[in-house]
PDB file of N, CA and C in Angstrom:
ATOM      1  N   MET A   1       0.850  -1.189   0.000  1.00  0.00           N
ATOM      2  CA  MET A   1       0.000   0.000   0.000  1.00  0.00           C
ATOM      3  C   MET A   1       0.884   1.236   0.000  1.00  0.00           C
ATOM      4  N   ASN A   2       0.400   2.229  -0.713  1.00  0.00           N
ATOM      5  CA  ASN A   2       1.186   3.455  -0.705  1.00  0.00           C
ATOM      6  C   ASN A   2       0.850   4.294   0.530  1.00  0.00           C
ATOM      7  N   GLU A   3       1.673   5.268   0.773  1.00  0.00           N
ATOM      8  CA  GLU A   3       1.566   6.062   2.002  1.00  0.00           C
ATOM      9  C   GLU A   3       0.294   6.914   2.028  1.00  0.00           C
ATOM     10  N   HIS A   4      -0.119   7.407   0.867  1.00  0.00           N
ATOM     11  CA  HIS A   4      -1.318   8.244   0.798  1.00  0.00           C
ATOM     12  C   HIS A   4      -2.568   7.441   1.184  1.00  0.00           C
ATOM     13  N   LEU A   5      -2.699   6.228   0.673  1.00  0.00           N
ATOM     14  CA  LEU A   5      -3.848   5.385   1.000  1.00  0.00           C
ATOM     15  C   LEU A   5      -3.852   5.011   2.477  1.00  0.00           C
ATOM     16  N   LEU A   6      -2.682   4.722   3.023  1.00  0.00           N
ATOM     17  CA  LEU A   6      -2.579   4.386   4.441  1.00  0.00           C
ATOM     18  C   LEU A   6      -3.004   5.566   5.318  1.00  0.00           C
ATOM     19  N   THR A   7      -2.635   6.773   4.919  1.00  0.00           N
ATOM     20  CA  THR A   7      -3.043   7.969   5.661  1.00  0.00           C
ATOM     21  C   THR A   7      -4.562   8.141   5.611  1.00  0.00           C
ATOM     22  N   GLU A   8      -5.162   7.931   4.440  1.00  0.00           N
ATOM     23  CA  GLU A   8      -6.613   8.073   4.316  1.00  0.00           C
ATOM     24  C   GLU A   8      -7.356   7.023   5.139  1.00  0.00           C
ATOM     25  N   ILE A   9      -6.864   5.804   5.161  1.00  0.00           N
ATOM     26  CA  ILE A   9      -7.495   4.754   5.965  1.00  0.00           C
ATOM     27  C   ILE A   9      -7.386   5.084   7.451  1.00  0.00           C
ATOM     28  N   THR A  10      -6.247   5.614   7.869  1.00  0.00           N
ATOM     29  CA  THR A  10      -6.059   6.001   9.268  1.00  0.00           C
ATOM     30  C   THR A  10      -7.035   7.106   9.667  1.00  0.00           C
ATOM     31  N   VAL A  11      -7.188   8.116   8.813  1.00  0.00           N
ATOM     32  CA  VAL A  11      -8.123   9.206   9.098  1.00  0.00           C
ATOM     33  C   VAL A  11      -9.554   8.669   9.169  1.00  0.00           C
ATOM     34  N   PHE A  12      -9.896   7.748   8.271  1.00  0.00           N
ATOM     35  CA  PHE A  12     -11.241   7.165   8.277  1.00  0.00           C
ATOM     36  C   PHE A  12     -11.506   6.413   9.575  1.00  0.00           C
ATOM     37  N   ILE A  13     -10.577   5.584   9.992  1.00  0.00           N
ATOM     38  CA  ILE A  13     -10.764   4.797  11.216  1.00  0.00           C
ATOM     39  C   ILE A  13     -10.861   5.707  12.437  1.00  0.00           C
ATOM     40  N   LEU A  14     -10.014   6.722  12.507  1.00  0.00           N
ATOM     41  CA  LEU A  14     -10.092   7.665  13.628  1.00  0.00           C
ATOM     42  C   LEU A  14     -11.421   8.418  13.632  1.00  0.00           C
ATOM     43  N   SER A  15     -11.907   8.807  12.455  1.00  0.00           N
ATOM     44  CA  SER A  15     -13.184   9.526  12.401  1.00  0.00           C
ATOM     45  C   SER A  15     -14.350   8.631  12.808  1.00  0.00           C
ATOM     46  N   VAL A  16     -14.262   7.337  12.523  1.00  0.00           N
ATOM     47  CA  VAL A  16     -15.307   6.411  12.968  1.00  0.00           C
ATOM     48  C   VAL A  16     -15.344   6.356  14.494  1.00  0.00           C
ATOM     49  N   PHE A  17     -14.183   6.226  15.119  1.00  0.00           N
ATOM     50  CA  PHE A  17     -14.146   6.171  16.587  1.00  0.00           C
ATOM     51  C   PHE A  17     -14.611   7.481  17.215  1.00  0.00           C
ATOM     52  N   ILE A  18     -14.212   8.603  16.653  1.00  0.00           N
ATOM     53  CA  ILE A  18     -14.651   9.898  17.180  1.00  0.00           C
ATOM     54  C   ILE A  18     -16.163  10.046  17.010  1.00  0.00           C
ATOM     55  N   GLY A  19     -16.693   9.627  15.861  1.00  0.00           N
ATOM     56  CA  GLY A  19     -18.141   9.693  15.631  1.00  0.00           C
ATOM     57  C   GLY A  19     -18.920   8.859  16.620  1.00  0.00           C
ATOM     58  N   ILE A  20     -18.433   7.668  16.908  1.00  0.00           N
ATOM     59  CA  ILE A  20     -19.112   6.805  17.883  1.00  0.00           C
ATOM     60  C   ILE A  20     -19.112   7.453  19.260  1.00  0.00           C
ATOM     61  N   GLU A  21     -18.000   8.038  19.652  1.00  0.00           N
ATOM     62  CA  GLU A  21     -17.924   8.699  20.957  1.00  0.00           C
ATOM     63  C   GLU A  21     -18.856   9.901  21.032  1.00  0.00           C
ATOM     64  N   VAL A  22     -18.913  10.697  19.978  1.00  0.00           N
ATOM     65  CA  VAL A  22     -19.767  11.887  19.990  1.00  0.00           C
ATOM     66  C   VAL A  22     -21.242  11.490  20.034  1.00  0.00           C
ATOM     67  N   ILE A  23     -21.641  10.528  19.218  1.00  0.00           N
ATOM     68  CA  ILE A  23     -23.044  10.115  19.164  1.00  0.00           C
ATOM     69  C   ILE A  23     -23.489   9.478  20.479  1.00  0.00           C
ATOM     70  N   SER A  24     -22.611   8.738  21.117  1.00  0.00           N
ATOM     71  CA  SER A  24     -22.999   8.076  22.369  1.00  0.00           C
ATOM     72  C   SER A  24     -23.222   9.073  23.503  1.00  0.00           C
ATOM     73  N   LYS A  25     -22.712  10.280  23.385  1.00  0.00           N
ATOM     74  CA  LYS A  25     -22.861  11.293  24.436  1.00  0.00           C
ATOM     75  C   LYS A  25     -24.070  12.201  24.220  1.00  0.00           C
ATOM     76  N   VAL A  26     -24.823  12.023  23.135  1.00  0.00           N
ATOM     77  CA  VAL A  26     -25.961  12.894  22.837  1.00  0.00           C
ATOM     78  C   VAL A  26     -27.145  12.509  23.720  1.00  0.00           C
ATOM     79  N   PRO A  27     -27.764  13.485  24.409  1.00  0.00           N
ATOM     80  CA  PRO A  27     -28.943  13.173  25.213  1.00  0.00           C
ATOM     81  C   PRO A  27     -30.118  12.745  24.324  1.00  0.00           C
ATOM     82  N   THR A  28     -31.043  12.025  24.911  1.00  0.00           N
ATOM     83  CA  THR A  28     -32.171  11.473  24.166  1.00  0.00           C
ATOM     84  C   THR A  28     -33.022  12.558  23.523  1.00  0.00           C
ATOM     85  N   THR A  29     -33.163  13.702  24.173  1.00  0.00           N
ATOM     86  CA  THR A  29     -34.021  14.766  23.639  1.00  0.00           C
ATOM     87  C   THR A  29     -33.461  15.398  22.374  1.00  0.00           C
ATOM     88  N   LEU A  30     -32.198  15.199  22.105  1.00  0.00           N
ATOM     89  CA  LEU A  30     -31.581  15.817  20.932  1.00  0.00           C
ATOM     90  C   LEU A  30     -31.430  14.866  19.752  1.00  0.00           C
ATOM     91  N   HIS A  31     -32.003  13.676  19.828  1.00  0.00           N
ATOM     92  CA  HIS A  31     -31.821  12.724  18.735  1.00  0.00           C
ATOM     93  C   HIS A  31     -32.534  13.154  17.458  1.00  0.00           C
ATOM     94  N   THR A  32     -33.713  13.790  17.553  1.00  0.00           N
ATOM     95  CA  THR A  32     -34.421  14.216  16.343  1.00  0.00           C
ATOM     96  C   THR A  32     -33.656  15.309  15.605  1.00  0.00           C
ATOM     97  N   PRO A  33     -33.164  16.368  16.274  1.00  0.00           N
ATOM     98  CA  PRO A  33     -32.345  17.338  15.537  1.00  0.00           C
ATOM     99  C   PRO A  33     -31.059  16.720  14.989  1.00  0.00           C
ATOM    100  N   LEU A  34     -30.521  15.756  15.704  1.00  0.00           N
ATOM    101  CA  LEU A  34     -29.316  15.088  15.220  1.00  0.00           C
ATOM    102  C   LEU A  34     -29.608  14.308  13.945  1.00  0.00           C
ATOM    103  N   MET A  35     -30.781  13.673  13.880  1.00  0.00           N
ATOM    104  CA  MET A  35     -31.168  12.952  12.657  1.00  0.00           C
ATOM    105  C   MET A  35     -31.300  13.916  11.484  1.00  0.00           C
ATOM    106  N   SER A  36     -31.849  15.105  11.725  1.00  0.00           N
ATOM    107  CA  SER A  36     -31.974  16.085  10.647  1.00  0.00           C
ATOM    108  C   SER A  36     -30.604  16.537  10.157  1.00  0.00           C
ATOM    109  N   ALA A  37     -29.679  16.706  11.074  1.00  0.00           N
ATOM    110  CA  ALA A  37     -28.326  17.103  10.675  1.00  0.00           C
ATOM    111  C   ALA A  37     -27.639  16.004   9.878  1.00  0.00           C
ATOM    112  N   THR A  38     -27.839  14.763  10.263  1.00  0.00           N
ATOM    113  CA  THR A  38     -27.212  13.680   9.506  1.00  0.00           C
ATOM    114  C   THR A  38     -27.850  13.530   8.138  1.00  0.00           C
ATOM    115  N   ASN A  39     -29.123  13.896   7.991  1.00  0.00           N
ATOM    116  CA  ASN A  39     -29.728  13.883   6.659  1.00  0.00           C
ATOM    117  C   ASN A  39     -29.050  14.901   5.755  1.00  0.00           C
ATOM    118  N   ALA A  40     -28.668  16.049   6.296  1.00  0.00           N
ATOM    119  CA  ALA A  40     -27.937  17.036   5.501  1.00  0.00           C
ATOM    120  C   ALA A  40     -26.566  16.492   5.101  1.00  0.00           C
ATOM    121  N   ILE A  41     -25.918  15.796   6.014  1.00  0.00           N
ATOM    122  CA  ILE A  41     -24.618  15.200   5.701  1.00  0.00           C
ATOM    123  C   ILE A  41     -24.773  14.133   4.627  1.00  0.00           C
ATOM    124  N   HIS A  42     -25.864  13.375   4.674  1.00  0.00           N
ATOM    125  CA  HIS A  42     -26.102  12.355   3.648  1.00  0.00           C
ATOM    126  C   HIS A  42     -26.284  12.993   2.279  1.00  0.00           C
ATOM    127  N   GLY A  43     -26.858  14.185   2.237  1.00  0.00           N
ATOM    128  CA  GLY A  43     -26.967  14.909   0.972  1.00  0.00           C
ATOM    129  C   GLY A  43     -25.602  15.268   0.421  1.00  0.00           C
ATOM    130  N   ILE A  44     -24.677  15.633   1.298  1.00  0.00           N
ATOM    131  CA  ILE A  44     -23.310  15.932   0.869  1.00  0.00           C
ATOM    132  C   ILE A  44     -22.634  14.668   0.352  1.00  0.00           C
ATOM    133  N   VAL A  45     -22.903  13.538   0.992  1.00  0.00           N
ATOM    134  CA  VAL A  45     -22.357  12.255   0.528  1.00  0.00           C
ATOM    135  C   VAL A  45     -22.885  11.938  -0.868  1.00  0.00           C
ATOM    136  N   LEU A  46     -24.146  12.244  -1.115  1.00  0.00           N
ATOM    137  CA  LEU A  46     -24.724  12.009  -2.441  1.00  0.00           C
ATOM    138  C   LEU A  46     -24.040  12.871  -3.496  1.00  0.00           C
ATOM    139  N   VAL A  47     -23.754  14.121  -3.170  1.00  0.00           N
ATOM    140  CA  VAL A  47     -23.029  14.988  -4.111  1.00  0.00           C
ATOM    141  C   VAL A  47     -21.636  14.428  -4.378  1.00  0.00           C
ATOM    142  N   GLY A  48     -20.966  13.950  -3.341  1.00  0.00           N
ATOM    143  CA  GLY A  48     -19.650  13.334  -3.528  1.00  0.00           C
ATOM    144  C   GLY A  48     -19.717  12.098  -4.401  1.00  0.00           C
ATOM    145  N   ALA A  49     -20.765  11.295  -4.226  1.00  0.00           N
ATOM    146  CA  ALA A  49     -20.925  10.099  -5.061  1.00  0.00           C
ATOM    147  C   ALA A  49     -21.150  10.482  -6.517  1.00  0.00           C
ATOM    148  N   LEU A  50     -21.898  11.549  -6.754  1.00  0.00           N
ATOM    149  CA  LEU A  50     -22.096  12.021  -8.129  1.00  0.00           C
ATOM    150  C   LEU A  50     -20.787  12.496  -8.746  1.00  0.00           C
ATOM    151  N   LEU A  51     -19.973  13.186  -7.954  1.00  0.00           N
ATOM    152  CA  LEU A  51     -18.673  13.643  -8.465  1.00  0.00           C
ATOM    153  C   LEU A  51     -17.761  12.472  -8.791  1.00  0.00           C
ATOM    154  N   VAL A  52     -17.752  11.462  -7.934  1.00  0.00           N
ATOM    155  CA  VAL A  52     -16.922  10.274  -8.192  1.00  0.00           C
ATOM    156  C   VAL A  52     -17.403   9.558  -9.446  1.00  0.00           C
ATOM    157  N   ALA A  53     -18.712   9.437  -9.603  1.00  0.00           N
ATOM    158  CA  ALA A  53     -19.258   8.751 -10.778  1.00  0.00           C
ATOM    159  C   ALA A  53     -18.952   9.526 -12.056  1.00  0.00           C
ATOM    160  N   GLY A  54     -18.960  10.846 -11.976  1.00  0.00           N
ATOM    161  CA  GLY A  54     -18.710  11.659 -13.164  1.00  0.00           C
ATOM    162  C   GLY A  54     -17.263  11.733 -13.582  1.00  0.00           C
ATOM    163  N   THR A  55     -16.349  11.547 -12.660  1.00  0.00           N
ATOM    164  CA  THR A  55     -14.922  11.682 -12.988  1.00  0.00           C
ATOM    165  C   THR A  55     -14.200  10.350 -13.044  1.00  0.00           C
ATOM    166  N   ALA A  56     -14.923   9.252 -13.068  1.00  0.00           N
ATOM    167  CA  ALA A  56     -14.291   7.928 -13.085  1.00  0.00           C
ATOM    168  C   ALA A  56     -13.674   7.667 -14.457  1.00  0.00           C
ATOM    169  N   HIS A  57     -12.431   7.165 -14.468  1.00  0.00           N
ATOM    170  CA  HIS A  57     -11.729   6.882 -15.718  1.00  0.00           C
ATOM    171  C   HIS A  57     -11.455   5.397 -15.904  1.00  0.00           C
ATOM    172  N   ALA A  58     -11.410   4.641 -14.843  1.00  0.00           N
ATOM    173  CA  ALA A  58     -11.128   3.207 -14.948  1.00  0.00           C
ATOM    174  C   ALA A  58     -12.335   2.498 -15.559  1.00  0.00           C
ATOM    175  N   PRO A  59     -12.147   1.325 -16.133  1.00  0.00           N
ATOM    176  CA  PRO A  59     -13.281   0.614 -16.743  1.00  0.00           C
ATOM    177  C   PRO A  59     -14.392   0.282 -15.747  1.00  0.00           C
ATOM    178  N   LEU A  60     -14.037  -0.018 -14.516  1.00  0.00           N
ATOM    179  CA  LEU A  60     -15.027  -0.352 -13.502  1.00  0.00           C
ATOM    180  C   LEU A  60     -15.532   0.894 -12.766  1.00  0.00           C
ATOM    181  N   GLY A  61     -14.931   2.042 -13.014  1.00  0.00           N
ATOM    182  CA  GLY A  61     -15.265   3.278 -12.311  1.00  0.00           C
ATOM    183  C   GLY A  61     -16.709   3.716 -12.430  1.00  0.00           C
ATOM    184  N   PRO A  62     -17.276   3.783 -13.644  1.00  0.00           N
ATOM    185  CA  PRO A  62     -18.684   4.205 -13.739  1.00  0.00           C
ATOM    186  C   PRO A  62     -19.651   3.251 -13.041  1.00  0.00           C
ATOM    187  N   VAL A  63     -19.343   1.966 -13.045  1.00  0.00           N
ATOM    188  CA  VAL A  63     -20.214   0.997 -12.364  1.00  0.00           C
ATOM    189  C   VAL A  63     -20.183   1.236 -10.859  1.00  0.00           C
ATOM    190  N   ILE A  64     -18.985   1.407 -10.319  1.00  0.00           N
ATOM    191  CA  ILE A  64     -18.855   1.679  -8.883  1.00  0.00           C
ATOM    192  C   ILE A  64     -19.477   3.030  -8.547  1.00  0.00           C
ATOM    193  N   GLY A  65     -19.296   4.023  -9.422  1.00  0.00           N
ATOM    194  CA  GLY A  65     -19.902   5.333  -9.202  1.00  0.00           C
ATOM    195  C   GLY A  65     -21.418   5.261  -9.175  1.00  0.00           C
ATOM    196  N   PHE A  66     -22.000   4.487 -10.089  1.00  0.00           N
ATOM    197  CA  PHE A  66     -23.458   4.312 -10.106  1.00  0.00           C
ATOM    198  C   PHE A  66     -23.927   3.638  -8.826  1.00  0.00           C
ATOM    199  N   LEU A  67     -23.197   2.628  -8.391  1.00  0.00           N
ATOM    200  CA  LEU A  67     -23.539   1.941  -7.143  1.00  0.00           C
ATOM    201  C   LEU A  67     -23.464   2.907  -5.959  1.00  0.00           C
ATOM    202  N   LEU A  68     -22.449   3.777  -5.951  1.00  0.00           N
ATOM    203  CA  LEU A  68     -22.335   4.780  -4.886  1.00  0.00           C
ATOM    204  C   LEU A  68     -23.529   5.730  -4.884  1.00  0.00           C
ATOM    205  N   VAL A  69     -23.948   6.160  -6.072  1.00  0.00           N
ATOM    206  CA  VAL A  69     -25.085   7.081  -6.158  1.00  0.00           C
ATOM    207  C   VAL A  69     -26.364   6.405  -5.665  1.00  0.00           C
ATOM    208  N   VAL A  70     -26.570   5.148  -6.046  1.00  0.00           N
ATOM    209  CA  VAL A  70     -27.768   4.425  -5.606  1.00  0.00           C
ATOM    210  C   VAL A  70     -27.770   4.266  -4.085  1.00  0.00           C
ATOM    211  N   LEU A  71     -26.649   3.847  -3.518  1.00  0.00           N
ATOM    212  CA  LEU A  71     -26.586   3.648  -2.066  1.00  0.00           C
ATOM    213  C   LEU A  71     -26.722   4.966  -1.309  1.00  0.00           C
ATOM    214  N   ALA A  72     -26.105   6.035  -1.821  1.00  0.00           N
ATOM    215  CA  ALA A  72     -26.231   7.337  -1.160  1.00  0.00           C
ATOM    216  C   ALA A  72     -27.670   7.844  -1.239  1.00  0.00           C
ATOM    217  N   SER A  73     -28.346   7.599  -2.355  1.00  0.00           N
ATOM    218  CA  SER A  73     -29.753   8.010  -2.482  1.00  0.00           C
ATOM    219  C   SER A  73     -30.633   7.247  -1.502  1.00  0.00           C
ATOM    220  N   LEU A  74     -30.404   5.949  -1.383  1.00  0.00           N
ATOM    221  CA  LEU A  74     -31.151   5.158  -0.400  1.00  0.00           C
ATOM    222  C   LEU A  74     -30.904   5.673   1.011  1.00  0.00           C
ATOM    223  N   ASN A  75     -29.680   6.087   1.285  1.00  0.00           N
ATOM    224  CA  ASN A  75     -29.328   6.619   2.595  1.00  0.00           C
ATOM    225  C   ASN A  75     -30.105   7.907   2.881  1.00  0.00           C
ATOM    226  N   VAL A  76     -30.184   8.791   1.892  1.00  0.00           N
ATOM    227  CA  VAL A  76     -30.902  10.056   2.076  1.00  0.00           C
ATOM    228  C   VAL A  76     -32.394   9.806   2.275  1.00  0.00           C
ATOM    229  N   PHE A  77     -33.010   9.043   1.385  1.00  0.00           N
ATOM    230  CA  PHE A  77     -34.450   8.804   1.484  1.00  0.00           C
ATOM    231  C   PHE A  77     -34.800   8.007   2.741  1.00  0.00           C
ATOM    232  N   GLY A  78     -33.973   7.056   3.109  1.00  0.00           N
ATOM    233  CA  GLY A  78     -34.205   6.303   4.340  1.00  0.00           C
ATOM    234  C   GLY A  78     -34.102   7.182   5.570  1.00  0.00           C
ATOM    235  N   GLY A  79     -33.158   8.112   5.568  1.00  0.00           N
ATOM    236  CA  GLY A  79     -33.017   9.034   6.694  1.00  0.00           C
ATOM    237  C   GLY A  79     -34.240   9.913   6.872  1.00  0.00           C
ATOM    238  N   TYR A  80     -34.768  10.424   5.768  1.00  0.00           N
ATOM    239  CA  TYR A  80     -35.968  11.246   5.868  1.00  0.00           C
ATOM    240  C   TYR A  80     -37.184  10.419   6.279  1.00  0.00           C
ATOM    241  N   THR A  81     -37.251   9.174   5.848  1.00  0.00           N
ATOM    242  CA  THR A  81     -38.360   8.305   6.243  1.00  0.00           C
ATOM    243  C   THR A  81     -38.316   8.024   7.743  1.00  0.00           C
ATOM    244  N   VAL A  82     -37.141   7.726   8.253  1.00  0.00           N
ATOM    245  CA  VAL A  82     -36.998   7.459   9.688  1.00  0.00           C
ATOM    246  C   VAL A  82     -37.316   8.711  10.498  1.00  0.00           C
ATOM    247  N   THR A  83     -36.861   9.880  10.034  1.00  0.00           N
ATOM    248  CA  THR A  83     -37.148  11.121  10.741  1.00  0.00           C
ATOM    249  C   THR A  83     -38.648  11.397  10.762  1.00  0.00           C
ATOM    250  N   GLU A  84     -39.328  11.158   9.641  1.00  0.00           N
ATOM    251  CA  GLU A  84     -40.781  11.366   9.593  1.00  0.00           C
ATOM    252  C   GLU A  84     -41.496  10.439  10.565  1.00  0.00           C
ATOM    253  N   ARG A  85     -41.070   9.203  10.645  1.00  0.00           N
ATOM    254  CA  ARG A  85     -41.700   8.267  11.590  1.00  0.00           C
ATOM    255  C   ARG A  85     -41.442   8.688  13.033  1.00  0.00           C
ATOM    256  N   MET A  86     -40.245   9.194  13.305  1.00  0.00           N
ATOM    257  CA  MET A  86     -39.953   9.659  14.662  1.00  0.00           C
ATOM    258  C   MET A  86     -40.838  10.848  15.016  1.00  0.00           C
ATOM    259  N   LEU A  87     -41.032  11.764  14.071  1.00  0.00           N
ATOM    260  CA  LEU A  87     -41.862  12.933  14.347  1.00  0.00           C
ATOM    261  C   LEU A  87     -43.328  12.556  14.515  1.00  0.00           C
ATOM    262  N   GLN A  88     -43.796  11.510  13.833  1.00  0.00           N
ATOM    263  CA  GLN A  88     -45.180  11.064  13.998  1.00  0.00           C
ATOM    264  C   GLN A  88     -45.435  10.533  15.402  1.00  0.00           C
ATOM    265  N   MET A  89     -44.411  10.045  16.064  1.00  0.00           N
ATOM    266  CA  MET A  89     -44.592   9.549  17.428  1.00  0.00           C
ATOM    267  C   MET A  89     -44.941  10.683  18.384  1.00  0.00           C
ATOM    268  N   PHE A  90     -44.532  11.915  18.070  1.00  0.00           N
ATOM    269  CA  PHE A  90     -44.762  13.036  18.967  1.00  0.00           C
ATOM    270  C   PHE A  90     -46.010  13.834  18.611  1.00  0.00           C
ATOM    271  N   ARG A  91     -46.665  13.522  17.504  1.00  0.00           N
ATOM    272  CA  ARG A  91     -47.886  14.224  17.125  1.00  0.00           C
ATOM    273  C   ARG A  91     -49.044  13.731  17.985  1.00  0.00           C
ATOM    274  N   PRO A  92     -49.987  14.629  18.304  1.00  0.00           N
ATOM    275  CA  PRO A  92     -51.140  14.175  19.095  1.00  0.00           C
ATOM    276  C   PRO A  92     -52.003  13.229  18.266  1.00  0.00           C
ATOM    277  N   LYS A  93     -52.511  12.234  18.930  1.00  0.00           N
ATOM    278  CA  LYS A  93     -53.338  11.240  18.256  1.00  0.00           C
ATOM    279  C   LYS A  93     -54.757  11.781  18.077  1.00  0.00           C
ATOM    280  N   ALA A  94     -55.462  11.276  17.077  1.00  0.00           N
ATOM    281  CA  ALA A  94     -56.847  11.684  16.841  1.00  0.00           C
ATOM    282  C   ALA A  94     -57.709  11.175  17.995  1.00  0.00           C
ATOM    283  N   PRO A  95     -58.709  11.945  18.402  1.00  0.00           N
ATOM    284  CA  PRO A  95     -59.553  11.494  19.516  1.00  0.00           C
ATOM    285  C   PRO A  95     -60.341  10.249  19.118  1.00  0.00           C
ATOM    286  N   ARG A  96     -60.488   9.354  20.086  1.00  0.00           N
ATOM    287  CA  ARG A  96     -61.246   8.127  19.854  1.00  0.00           C
ATOM    288  C   ARG A  96     -62.732   8.443  19.871  1.00  0.00           C
ATOM    289  N   PRO A  97     -63.520   7.698  19.087  1.00  0.00           N
ATOM    290  CA  PRO A  97     -64.971   7.950  19.120  1.00  0.00           C
ATOM    291  C   PRO A  97     -65.548   7.544  20.476  1.00  0.00           C
ATOM    292  N   THR A  98     -66.476   8.356  20.951  1.00  0.00           N
ATOM    293  CA  THR A  98     -67.115   8.045  22.233  1.00  0.00           C
ATOM    294  C   THR A  98     -68.269   7.087  22.002  1.00  0.00           C
ATOM    295  N   LYS A  99     -68.833   6.599  23.085  1.00  0.00           N
ATOM    296  CA  LYS A  99     -69.928   5.631  22.976  1.00  0.00           C
ATOM    297  C   LYS A  99     -71.155   6.264  22.333  1.00  0.00           C
ATOM    298  N   THR A 100     -71.349   7.576  22.475  1.00  0.00           N
ATOM    299  CA  THR A 100     -72.508   8.228  21.864  1.00  0.00           C
ATOM    300  C   THR A 100     -72.350   8.347  20.353  1.00  0.00           C
ATOM    301  N   ASP A 101     -71.131   8.248  19.830  1.00  0.00           N
ATOM    302  CA  ASP A 101     -70.916   8.305  18.390  1.00  0.00           C
ATOM    303  C   ASP A 101     -71.316   7.011  17.699  1.00  0.00           C
ATOM    304  N   VAL A 102     -71.415   5.932  18.445  1.00  0.00           N
ATOM    305  CA  VAL A 102     -71.719   4.627  17.869  1.00  0.00           C
ATOM    306  C   VAL A 102     -73.230   4.463  17.787  1.00  0.00           C
ATOM    307  N   ASP A 103     -73.716   3.902  16.677  1.00  0.00           N
ATOM    308  CA  ASP A 103     -75.151   3.655  16.513  1.00  0.00           C
ATOM    309  C   ASP A 103     -75.537   2.481  17.398  1.00  0.00           C
ATOM    310  N   SER A 104     -76.200   2.761  18.510  1.00  0.00           N
ATOM    311  CA  SER A 104     -76.517   1.715  19.480  1.00  0.00           C
ATOM    312  C   SER A 104     -77.840   1.028  19.192  1.00  0.00           C
ATOM    313  N   THR A 105     -78.521   1.381  18.095  1.00  0.00           N
ATOM    314  CA  THR A 105     -79.815   0.770  17.791  1.00  0.00           C
ATOM    315  C   THR A 105     -79.678  -0.454  16.903  1.00  0.00           C
ATOM    316  N   ILE A 106     -78.469  -0.888  16.609  1.00  0.00           N
ATOM    317  CA  ILE A 106     -78.272  -2.045  15.742  1.00  0.00           C
ATOM    318  C   ILE A 106     -78.548  -3.309  16.541  1.00  0.00           C
ATOM    319  N   SER A 107     -79.367  -4.156  15.990  1.00  0.00           N
ATOM    320  CA  SER A 107     -79.611  -5.459  16.593  1.00  0.00           C
ATOM    321  C   SER A 107     -79.200  -6.531  15.599  1.00  0.00           C
ATOM    322  N   VAL A 108     -79.288  -7.766  16.018  1.00  0.00           N
ATOM    323  CA  VAL A 108     -78.829  -8.880  15.192  1.00  0.00           C
ATOM    324  C   VAL A 108     -79.627  -8.970  13.900  1.00  0.00           C
ATOM    325  N   ASP A 109     -80.942  -8.691  13.943  1.00  0.00           N
ATOM    326  CA  ASP A 109     -81.753  -8.840  12.739  1.00  0.00           C
ATOM    327  C   ASP A 109     -81.564  -7.693  11.746  1.00  0.00           C
ATOM    328  N   THR A 110     -80.912  -6.575  12.140  1.00  0.00           N
ATOM    329  CA  THR A 110     -80.714  -5.459  11.214  1.00  0.00           C
ATOM    330  C   THR A 110     -79.309  -5.400  10.643  1.00  0.00           C
ATOM    331  N   ILE A 111     -78.441  -6.306  11.024  1.00  0.00           N
ATOM    332  CA  ILE A 111     -77.077  -6.289  10.502  1.00  0.00           C
ATOM    333  C   ILE A 111     -77.116  -6.626   9.020  1.00  0.00           C
ATOM    334  N   GLY A 112     -76.456  -5.843   8.219  1.00  0.00           N
ATOM    335  CA  GLY A 112     -76.400  -6.072   6.788  1.00  0.00           C
ATOM    336  C   GLY A 112     -77.425  -5.263   6.018  1.00  0.00           C
ATOM    337  N   GLN A 113     -78.406  -4.662   6.697  1.00  0.00           N
ATOM    338  CA  GLN A 113     -79.395  -3.831   6.022  1.00  0.00           C
ATOM    339  C   GLN A 113     -78.919  -2.385   6.025  1.00  0.00           C
ATOM    340  N   PRO A 114     -79.254  -1.631   4.989  1.00  0.00           N
ATOM    341  CA  PRO A 114     -78.914  -0.200   5.009  1.00  0.00           C
ATOM    342  C   PRO A 114     -79.590   0.488   6.185  1.00  0.00           C
ATOM    343  N   LYS A 115     -78.993   1.553   6.679  1.00  0.00           N
ATOM    344  CA  LYS A 115     -79.479   2.226   7.877  1.00  0.00           C
ATOM    345  C   LYS A 115     -80.895   2.767   7.684  1.00  0.00           C
ATOM    346  N   GLU A 116     -81.224   3.244   6.484  1.00  0.00           N
ATOM    347  CA  GLU A 116     -82.551   3.827   6.285  1.00  0.00           C
ATOM    348  C   GLU A 116     -83.653   2.770   6.252  1.00  0.00           C
ATOM    349  N   ASN A 117     -83.320   1.487   6.033  1.00  0.00           N
ATOM    350  CA  ASN A 117     -84.325   0.419   5.992  1.00  0.00           C
ATOM    351  C   ASN A 117     -84.560  -0.220   7.354  1.00  0.00           C
ATOM    352  N   ARG A 118     -83.810   0.148   8.348  1.00  0.00           N
ATOM    353  CA  ARG A 118     -83.967  -0.465   9.667  1.00  0.00           C
ATOM    354  C   ARG A 118     -85.214   0.069  10.358  1.00  0.00           C
ATOM    355  N   ALA A 119     -85.888  -0.820  11.050  1.00  0.00           N
ATOM    356  CA  ALA A 119     -87.059  -0.397  11.826  1.00  0.00           C
ATOM    357  C   ALA A 119     -86.587   0.178  13.146  1.00  0.00           C
ATOM    358  N   ALA A 120     -87.236   1.258  13.583  1.00  0.00           N
ATOM    359  CA  ALA A 120     -86.804   1.915  14.810  1.00  0.00           C
ATOM    360  C   ALA A 120     -87.266   1.199  16.035  1.00  0.00           C
TER     361      ALA A 120
END
């Protein structure tokens, strides 16, 4: 391996460990804003994947670039889907129907008949 590649791998491994340490220290109340910030970072990753795909010169380069774009796109859309589901957990739920909302005049012999044909 050349020295440049070894340096890049070292920086990548160190950034993974630093990222794990930073994320593990985030309080629970800040996870939703953190998800939004990571969605922005995923957008930057998608731009980088497009640049790699556009400047590839090796025979296998465009194939790998296309794969990078597909995976980065899945990452972005998946992040927004997860964030939307998290936000739905905090929305107020629709009120449940009360007992007075239910038609209590239904008996066994009127099931299946239209409401206007039922005898009172």
